[in-house]
Amino acid sequence: MQPEQTPEKGFKWDEASKSYGIPSQVLRGEVPVQPNAQPFQPYQQNVQPAQQMMGQGMMGNGMMGNGMVAPMAETKATTAFVLSLVALIGFFIFPLTMLIAPVSLIMANNALKITNLNPSYHPDHGKARAAQVISAIMTVLLCLGLAFVALIIVGLMIGGF
């Protein structure tokens, strides 16, 4: 090839794109594709199943080192949560249902002892914590109500009734 016949290097610009500095391929909606380009593959993280994990002992996420999933300890978190909701809703319908709030509180505390071993992994941790909060509030209200009733009874006894 003669030096005066060498092709221009870089993109070829047409007249429409010269004023904006945009390649004409972009203006026409064309995307240049390399002949040996790979198709787009979304990023995929290399996740190994639990059975392929190696090592021995118990790991922090509930997985045993031999690839087996450690069995989660059974809790009564669901029962405690249901009882706390019954105490809360029943308080507005029939106030004596508040008497189950302390039972629910004890059950929730026992469930939290188990789930606190690994709170980020145990599936019942949130339910047990919610049951504990609701039951504690209802138990405090129950104690306040019983104290009020006791004051009324003492007042009536002192008054000579």
C-alpha atoms as a PDB file:
ATOM      1  CA  MET A   1       0.000   0.000   0.000  1.00  0.00           C
ATOM      2  CA  GLN A   2       1.157   3.467  -0.772  1.00  0.00           C
ATOM      3  CA  PRO A   3       1.511   5.940   2.175  1.00  0.00           C
ATOM      4  CA  GLU A   4      -1.093   8.247   0.633  1.00  0.00           C
ATOM      5  CA  GLN A   5      -3.588   5.337   0.377  1.00  0.00           C
ATOM      6  CA  THR A   6      -3.519   4.252   4.041  1.00  0.00           C
ATOM      7  CA  PRO A   7      -6.981   4.200   5.653  1.00  0.00           C
ATOM      8  CA  GLU A   8      -7.753   6.550   8.475  1.00  0.00           C
ATOM      9  CA  LYS A   9      -7.361   5.129  11.961  1.00  0.00           C
ATOM     10  CA  GLY A  10     -10.118   5.262  14.580  1.00  0.00           C
ATOM     11  CA  PHE A  11     -13.860   5.776  14.141  1.00  0.00           C
ATOM     12  CA  LYS A  12     -15.316   7.138  10.989  1.00  0.00           C
ATOM     13  CA  TRP A  13     -17.525  10.110  11.709  1.00  0.00           C
ATOM     14  CA  ASP A  14     -20.357  11.211   9.518  1.00  0.00           C
ATOM     15  CA  GLU A  15     -21.523  14.772   9.132  1.00  0.00           C
ATOM     16  CA  ALA A  16     -24.459  14.506  11.598  1.00  0.00           C
ATOM     17  CA  SER A  17     -22.308  13.497  14.520  1.00  0.00           C
ATOM     18  CA  LYS A  18     -19.417  15.893  14.014  1.00  0.00           C
ATOM     19  CA  SER A  19     -21.083  18.739  15.886  1.00  0.00           C
ATOM     20  CA  TYR A  20     -21.885  16.632  18.955  1.00  0.00           C
ATOM     21  CA  GLY A  21     -18.869  14.350  19.039  1.00  0.00           C
ATOM     22  CA  ILE A  22     -21.068  11.219  18.988  1.00  0.00           C
ATOM     23  CA  PRO A  23     -20.028   8.321  16.746  1.00  0.00           C
ATOM     24  CA  SER A  24     -22.455   7.749  13.876  1.00  0.00           C
ATOM     25  CA  GLN A  25     -22.884   4.119  14.939  1.00  0.00           C
ATOM     26  CA  VAL A  26     -24.476   5.296  18.165  1.00  0.00           C
ATOM     27  CA  LEU A  27     -26.729   7.746  16.341  1.00  0.00           C
ATOM     28  CA  ARG A  28     -27.979   4.996  14.045  1.00  0.00           C
ATOM     29  CA  GLY A  29     -28.552   2.623  16.964  1.00  0.00           C
ATOM     30  CA  GLU A  30     -25.827   0.214  15.927  1.00  0.00           C
ATOM     31  CA  VAL A  31     -23.548  -1.387  18.453  1.00  0.00           C
ATOM     32  CA  PRO A  32     -20.179  -2.535  17.181  1.00  0.00           C
ATOM     33  CA  VAL A  33     -19.671  -6.206  17.971  1.00  0.00           C
ATOM     34  CA  GLN A  34     -16.348  -7.917  17.876  1.00  0.00           C
ATOM     35  CA  PRO A  35     -16.383 -11.121  15.824  1.00  0.00           C
ATOM     36  CA  ASN A  36     -15.132 -13.297  18.696  1.00  0.00           C
ATOM     37  CA  ALA A  37     -17.120 -11.569  21.481  1.00  0.00           C
ATOM     38  CA  GLN A  38     -18.659 -13.783  24.166  1.00  0.00           C
ATOM     39  CA  PRO A  39     -22.383 -13.402  24.892  1.00  0.00           C
ATOM     40  CA  PHE A  40     -23.216 -11.483  28.041  1.00  0.00           C
ATOM     41  CA  GLN A  41     -23.141 -13.648  31.143  1.00  0.00           C
ATOM     42  CA  PRO A  42     -24.493 -12.157  34.384  1.00  0.00           C
ATOM     43  CA  TYR A  43     -22.209 -12.358  37.375  1.00  0.00           C
ATOM     44  CA  GLN A  44     -22.733 -15.598  39.221  1.00  0.00           C
ATOM     45  CA  GLN A  45     -21.198 -16.132  42.592  1.00  0.00           C
ATOM     46  CA  ASN A  46     -19.580 -19.506  43.049  1.00  0.00           C
ATOM     47  CA  VAL A  47     -21.777 -20.993  45.782  1.00  0.00           C
ATOM     48  CA  GLN A  48     -20.978 -24.452  47.001  1.00  0.00           C
ATOM     49  CA  PRO A  49     -23.737 -26.631  48.382  1.00  0.00           C
ATOM     50  CA  ALA A  50     -23.517 -27.487  52.044  1.00  0.00           C
ATOM     51  CA  GLN A  51     -22.646 -31.081  51.218  1.00  0.00           C
ATOM     52  CA  GLN A  52     -19.393 -30.007  49.539  1.00  0.00           C
ATOM     53  CA  MET A  53     -18.046 -28.048  52.495  1.00  0.00           C
ATOM     54  CA  MET A  54     -14.928 -29.522  54.017  1.00  0.00           C
ATOM     55  CA  GLY A  55     -13.533 -29.579  57.528  1.00  0.00           C
ATOM     56  CA  GLN A  56     -14.658 -30.788  60.908  1.00  0.00           C
ATOM     57  CA  GLY A  57     -16.556 -29.282  63.822  1.00  0.00           C
ATOM     58  CA  MET A  58     -19.342 -26.743  64.117  1.00  0.00           C
ATOM     59  CA  MET A  59     -19.091 -23.515  62.176  1.00  0.00           C
ATOM     60  CA  GLY A  60     -20.648 -20.202  63.223  1.00  0.00           C
ATOM     61  CA  ASN A  61     -23.507 -20.301  60.723  1.00  0.00           C
ATOM     62  CA  GLY A  62     -25.139 -23.506  61.903  1.00  0.00           C
ATOM     63  CA  MET A  63     -23.221 -25.606  59.405  1.00  0.00           C
ATOM     64  CA  MET A  64     -21.182 -28.519  60.613  1.00  0.00           C
ATOM     65  CA  GLY A  65     -17.729 -28.801  59.110  1.00  0.00           C
ATOM     66  CA  ASN A  66     -18.503 -32.133  57.452  1.00  0.00           C
ATOM     67  CA  GLY A  67     -21.063 -30.495  55.166  1.00  0.00           C
ATOM     68  CA  MET A  68     -24.134 -31.444  57.135  1.00  0.00           C
ATOM     69  CA  VAL A  69     -26.587 -28.866  58.409  1.00  0.00           C
ATOM     70  CA  ALA A  70     -26.788 -28.888  62.167  1.00  0.00           C
ATOM     71  CA  PRO A  71     -30.295 -29.648  63.387  1.00  0.00           C
ATOM     72  CA  MET A  72     -31.906 -26.578  64.884  1.00  0.00           C
ATOM     73  CA  ALA A  73     -33.083 -26.959  68.439  1.00  0.00           C
ATOM     74  CA  GLU A  74     -36.844 -26.982  68.730  1.00  0.00           C
ATOM     75  CA  THR A  75     -38.388 -23.955  70.377  1.00  0.00           C
ATOM     76  CA  LYS A  76     -41.872 -22.986  71.440  1.00  0.00           C
ATOM     77  CA  ALA A  77     -41.526 -19.529  69.893  1.00  0.00           C
ATOM     78  CA  THR A  78     -44.595 -19.888  67.692  1.00  0.00           C
ATOM     79  CA  THR A  79     -46.738 -21.024  70.615  1.00  0.00           C
ATOM     80  CA  ALA A  80     -45.446 -18.156  72.758  1.00  0.00           C
ATOM     81  CA  PHE A  81     -46.147 -15.681  69.955  1.00  0.00           C
ATOM     82  CA  VAL A  82     -49.709 -16.955  69.459  1.00  0.00           C
ATOM     83  CA  LEU A  83     -50.398 -16.843  73.200  1.00  0.00           C
ATOM     84  CA  SER A  84     -49.046 -13.293  73.437  1.00  0.00           C
ATOM     85  CA  LEU A  85     -51.299 -12.206  70.580  1.00  0.00           C
ATOM     86  CA  VAL A  86     -54.279 -13.905  72.221  1.00  0.00           C
ATOM     87  CA  ALA A  87     -53.502 -12.015  75.437  1.00  0.00           C
ATOM     88  CA  LEU A  88     -53.175  -8.721  73.548  1.00  0.00           C
ATOM     89  CA  ILE A  89     -56.291  -9.052  71.418  1.00  0.00           C
ATOM     90  CA  GLY A  90     -58.295 -10.778  74.132  1.00  0.00           C
ATOM     91  CA  PHE A  91     -57.580  -7.914  76.531  1.00  0.00           C
ATOM     92  CA  PHE A  92     -59.991  -5.735  74.552  1.00  0.00           C
ATOM     93  CA  ILE A  93     -62.660  -8.463  74.329  1.00  0.00           C
ATOM     94  CA  PHE A  94     -62.382 -10.345  77.624  1.00  0.00           C
ATOM     95  CA  PRO A  95     -59.743  -8.936  80.013  1.00  0.00           C
ATOM     96  CA  LEU A  96     -59.145 -12.255  81.807  1.00  0.00           C
ATOM     97  CA  THR A  97     -57.243 -13.494  78.748  1.00  0.00           C
ATOM     98  CA  MET A  98     -54.362 -11.390  80.053  1.00  0.00           C
ATOM     99  CA  LEU A  99     -53.717 -14.198  82.523  1.00  0.00           C
ATOM    100  CA  ILE A 100     -51.937 -16.159  79.784  1.00  0.00           C
ATOM    101  CA  ALA A 101     -49.393 -13.361  79.231  1.00  0.00           C
ATOM    102  CA  PRO A 102     -46.993 -14.563  81.972  1.00  0.00           C
ATOM    103  CA  VAL A 103     -47.124 -18.101  80.553  1.00  0.00           C
ATOM    104  CA  SER A 104     -46.289 -16.704  77.140  1.00  0.00           C
ATOM    105  CA  LEU A 105     -43.455 -14.648  78.629  1.00  0.00           C
ATOM    106  CA  ILE A 106     -41.889 -17.715  80.233  1.00  0.00           C
ATOM    107  CA  MET A 107     -42.168 -19.671  76.986  1.00  0.00           C
ATOM    108  CA  ALA A 108     -40.654 -16.799  74.991  1.00  0.00           C
ATOM    109  CA  ASN A 109     -37.740 -16.460  77.416  1.00  0.00           C
ATOM    110  CA  ASN A 110     -37.029 -20.200  77.163  1.00  0.00           C
ATOM    111  CA  ALA A 111     -37.156 -19.990  73.366  1.00  0.00           C
ATOM    112  CA  LEU A 112     -34.766 -17.033  73.400  1.00  0.00           C
ATOM    113  CA  LYS A 113     -32.268 -18.994  75.489  1.00  0.00           C
ATOM    114  CA  ILE A 114     -32.094 -21.468  72.618  1.00  0.00           C
ATOM    115  CA  THR A 115     -32.134 -18.966  69.760  1.00  0.00           C
ATOM    116  CA  ASN A 116     -29.535 -16.650  71.340  1.00  0.00           C
ATOM    117  CA  LEU A 117     -26.908 -19.264  70.604  1.00  0.00           C
ATOM    118  CA  ASN A 118     -26.999 -18.006  67.015  1.00  0.00           C
ATOM    119  CA  PRO A 119     -29.629 -15.251  66.564  1.00  0.00           C
ATOM    120  CA  SER A 120     -28.704 -14.411  62.975  1.00  0.00           C
ATOM    121  CA  TYR A 121     -29.315 -17.948  61.786  1.00  0.00           C
ATOM    122  CA  HIS A 122     -32.072 -19.467  63.941  1.00  0.00           C
ATOM    123  CA  PRO A 123     -35.423 -19.029  62.179  1.00  0.00           C
ATOM    124  CA  ASP A 124     -37.407 -18.602  65.407  1.00  0.00           C
ATOM    125  CA  HIS A 125     -35.346 -15.781  66.930  1.00  0.00           C
ATOM    126  CA  GLY A 126     -37.504 -12.911  65.655  1.00  0.00           C
ATOM    127  CA  LYS A 127     -40.719 -14.634  66.612  1.00  0.00           C
ATOM    128  CA  ALA A 128     -39.427 -15.397  70.102  1.00  0.00           C
ATOM    129  CA  ARG A 129     -38.272 -11.791  70.571  1.00  0.00           C
ATOM    130  CA  ALA A 130     -41.650 -10.410  69.424  1.00  0.00           C
ATOM    131  CA  ALA A 131     -43.466 -12.790  71.778  1.00  0.00           C
ATOM    132  CA  GLN A 132     -41.209 -11.684  74.630  1.00  0.00           C
ATOM    133  CA  VAL A 133     -41.900  -7.976  74.028  1.00  0.00           C
ATOM    134  CA  ILE A 134     -45.677  -8.379  73.681  1.00  0.00           C
ATOM    135  CA  SER A 135     -45.885 -10.728  76.660  1.00  0.00           C
ATOM    136  CA  ALA A 136     -43.768  -8.448  78.844  1.00  0.00           C
ATOM    137  CA  ILE A 137     -46.019  -5.470  78.090  1.00  0.00           C
ATOM    138  CA  MET A 138     -49.144  -7.503  78.763  1.00  0.00           C
ATOM    139  CA  THR A 139     -47.678  -8.926  81.984  1.00  0.00           C
ATOM    140  CA  VAL A 140     -46.847  -5.426  83.232  1.00  0.00           C
ATOM    141  CA  LEU A 141     -50.406  -4.319  82.414  1.00  0.00           C
ATOM    142  CA  LEU A 142     -51.722  -7.382  84.238  1.00  0.00           C
ATOM    143  CA  CYS A 143     -49.629  -6.541  87.317  1.00  0.00           C
ATOM    144  CA  LEU A 144     -50.805  -2.936  87.240  1.00  0.00           C
ATOM    145  CA  GLY A 145     -54.424  -4.090  86.938  1.00  0.00           C
ATOM    146  CA  LEU A 146     -54.053  -6.520  89.827  1.00  0.00           C
ATOM    147  CA  ALA A 147     -52.404  -3.818  91.945  1.00  0.00           C
ATOM    148  CA  PHE A 148     -55.302  -1.475  91.174  1.00  0.00           C
ATOM    149  CA  VAL A 149     -57.836  -4.139  92.153  1.00  0.00           C
ATOM    150  CA  ALA A 150     -55.872  -4.841  95.353  1.00  0.00           C
ATOM    151  CA  LEU A 151     -55.906  -1.116  96.226  1.00  0.00           C
ATOM    152  CA  ILE A 152     -59.651  -0.982  95.719  1.00  0.00           C
ATOM    153  CA  ILE A 153     -60.147  -4.025  97.957  1.00  0.00           C
ATOM    154  CA  VAL A 154     -57.867  -2.581 100.666  1.00  0.00           C
ATOM    155  CA  GLY A 155     -59.691   0.762 100.417  1.00  0.00           C
ATOM    156  CA  LEU A 156     -63.049  -0.964 100.793  1.00  0.00           C
ATOM    157  CA  MET A 157     -61.795  -2.947 103.799  1.00  0.00           C
ATOM    158  CA  ILE A 158     -60.481   0.167 105.472  1.00  0.00           C
ATOM    159  CA  GLY A 159     -63.682   2.035 104.712  1.00  0.00           C
ATOM    160  CA  GLY A 160     -65.695  -0.540 106.582  1.00  0.00           C
ATOM    161  CA  PHE A 161     -67.433  -2.320 103.763  1.00  0.00           C
END
